[in-house]
Amino acid sequence: MIEKISMPSSIRLKYLKGVDPNGKDILKTRTINNIAQSATDELVYGLKALLEEVQNSTIAEFTRLDSGKITES
């Protein structure tokens, strides 16, 4: 039997840092690790506004990454 063991989640943020001379967006990526699996999507998304305020940057993309270890039992 195959079993999945949930691991802590991560959040990947892509910040808009400006525009290059060709008019393309300049994005910076940051990952926050060890988000509890029990944290709801609503709670995690609530971090977005707080992080934008603290960073003084617009978050262009906000992604929750759930992972798990797959084993044979």
C-alpha atoms as a PDB file:
ATOM      1  CA  MET A   1       0.000   0.000   0.000  1.00  0.00           C
ATOM      2  CA  ILE A   2       1.253   3.486  -0.884  1.00  0.00           C
ATOM      3  CA  GLU A   3       1.013   6.165   1.779  1.00  0.00           C
ATOM      4  CA  LYS A   4       1.479   9.942   1.580  1.00  0.00           C
ATOM      5  CA  ILE A   5       2.939  11.709   4.602  1.00  0.00           C
ATOM      6  CA  SER A   6       2.200  15.451   4.568  1.00  0.00           C
ATOM      7  CA  MET A   7       5.165  17.774   4.920  1.00  0.00           C
ATOM      8  CA  PRO A   8       5.156  21.485   5.846  1.00  0.00           C
ATOM      9  CA  SER A   9       4.022  23.830   3.074  1.00  0.00           C
ATOM     10  CA  SER A  10       5.875  26.743   1.511  1.00  0.00           C
ATOM     11  CA  ILE A  11       4.724  30.036   0.069  1.00  0.00           C
ATOM     12  CA  ARG A  12       6.378  31.426  -3.060  1.00  0.00           C
ATOM     13  CA  LEU A  13       6.092  35.175  -3.593  1.00  0.00           C
ATOM     14  CA  LYS A  14       6.953  37.052  -6.770  1.00  0.00           C
ATOM     15  CA  TYR A  15       7.414  40.765  -6.104  1.00  0.00           C
ATOM     16  CA  LEU A  16       7.212  43.423  -8.784  1.00  0.00           C
ATOM     17  CA  LYS A  17      10.468  45.386  -8.409  1.00  0.00           C
ATOM     18  CA  GLY A  18      10.262  47.594 -11.490  1.00  0.00           C
ATOM     19  CA  VAL A  19      10.414  47.601 -15.265  1.00  0.00           C
ATOM     20  CA  ASP A  20      13.500  47.009 -17.414  1.00  0.00           C
ATOM     21  CA  PRO A  21      14.455  49.264 -20.385  1.00  0.00           C
ATOM     22  CA  ASN A  22      12.483  46.957 -22.718  1.00  0.00           C
ATOM     23  CA  GLY A  23       9.276  47.388 -20.712  1.00  0.00           C
ATOM     24  CA  LYS A  24       9.334  43.932 -19.109  1.00  0.00           C
ATOM     25  CA  ASP A  25       8.482  43.527 -15.429  1.00  0.00           C
ATOM     26  CA  ILE A  26      11.401  42.849 -13.084  1.00  0.00           C
ATOM     27  CA  LEU A  27      10.318  40.219 -10.551  1.00  0.00           C
ATOM     28  CA  LYS A  28      12.049  39.019  -7.393  1.00  0.00           C
ATOM     29  CA  THR A  29      11.123  35.617  -5.966  1.00  0.00           C
ATOM     30  CA  ARG A  30      11.114  34.807  -2.258  1.00  0.00           C
ATOM     31  CA  THR A  31      10.090  31.536  -0.597  1.00  0.00           C
ATOM     32  CA  ILE A  32       8.823  31.210   2.970  1.00  0.00           C
ATOM     33  CA  ASN A  33       9.163  27.646   4.277  1.00  0.00           C
ATOM     34  CA  ASN A  34       7.678  25.607   7.126  1.00  0.00           C
ATOM     35  CA  ILE A  35       4.065  26.754   6.844  1.00  0.00           C
ATOM     36  CA  ALA A  36       1.928  24.402   8.940  1.00  0.00           C
ATOM     37  CA  GLN A  37      -0.271  22.011   6.947  1.00  0.00           C
ATOM     38  CA  SER A  38      -3.108  22.928   9.306  1.00  0.00           C
ATOM     39  CA  ALA A  39      -3.019  26.581   8.150  1.00  0.00           C
ATOM     40  CA  THR A  40      -6.076  27.276   6.010  1.00  0.00           C
ATOM     41  CA  ASP A  41      -5.766  28.834   2.566  1.00  0.00           C
ATOM     42  CA  GLU A  42      -7.656  31.872   3.845  1.00  0.00           C
ATOM     43  CA  LEU A  43      -5.177  32.346   6.690  1.00  0.00           C
ATOM     44  CA  VAL A  44      -2.179  31.922   4.396  1.00  0.00           C
ATOM     45  CA  TYR A  45      -3.648  34.340   1.836  1.00  0.00           C
ATOM     46  CA  GLY A  46      -4.175  36.857   4.625  1.00  0.00           C
ATOM     47  CA  LEU A  47      -0.390  37.089   4.844  1.00  0.00           C
ATOM     48  CA  LYS A  48      -0.282  38.624   1.363  1.00  0.00           C
ATOM     49  CA  ALA A  49      -1.585  42.062   2.407  1.00  0.00           C
ATOM     50  CA  LEU A  50       0.652  42.098   5.479  1.00  0.00           C
ATOM     51  CA  LEU A  51       3.735  41.194   3.463  1.00  0.00           C
ATOM     52  CA  GLU A  52       2.986  43.817   0.806  1.00  0.00           C
ATOM     53  CA  GLU A  53       2.706  46.454   3.517  1.00  0.00           C
ATOM     54  CA  VAL A  54       5.966  45.454   5.213  1.00  0.00           C
ATOM     55  CA  GLN A  55       7.911  45.023   1.961  1.00  0.00           C
ATOM     56  CA  ASN A  56       6.511  48.146   0.247  1.00  0.00           C
ATOM     57  CA  SER A  57       6.276  46.041  -2.928  1.00  0.00           C
ATOM     58  CA  THR A  58       3.385  44.674  -4.962  1.00  0.00           C
ATOM     59  CA  ILE A  59       3.116  40.884  -4.925  1.00  0.00           C
ATOM     60  CA  ALA A  60       2.517  39.826  -8.535  1.00  0.00           C
ATOM     61  CA  GLU A  61       2.117  36.116  -7.709  1.00  0.00           C
ATOM     62  CA  PHE A  62       1.330  34.352  -4.420  1.00  0.00           C
ATOM     63  CA  THR A  63       1.570  30.541  -4.498  1.00  0.00           C
ATOM     64  CA  ARG A  64       1.120  27.926  -1.768  1.00  0.00           C
ATOM     65  CA  LEU A  65       3.245  24.825  -2.334  1.00  0.00           C
ATOM     66  CA  ASP A  66       2.079  21.712  -0.495  1.00  0.00           C
ATOM     67  CA  SER A  67       4.378  18.709  -0.451  1.00  0.00           C
ATOM     68  CA  GLY A  68       4.407  15.194   0.876  1.00  0.00           C
ATOM     69  CA  LYS A  69       6.590  12.136   1.122  1.00  0.00           C
ATOM     70  CA  ILE A  70       5.265   9.050  -0.667  1.00  0.00           C
ATOM     71  CA  THR A  71       6.245   5.722   0.864  1.00  0.00           C
ATOM     72  CA  GLU A  72       5.293   2.095   0.597  1.00  0.00           C
ATOM     73  CA  SER A  73       3.960   0.643   3.829  1.00  0.00           C
END
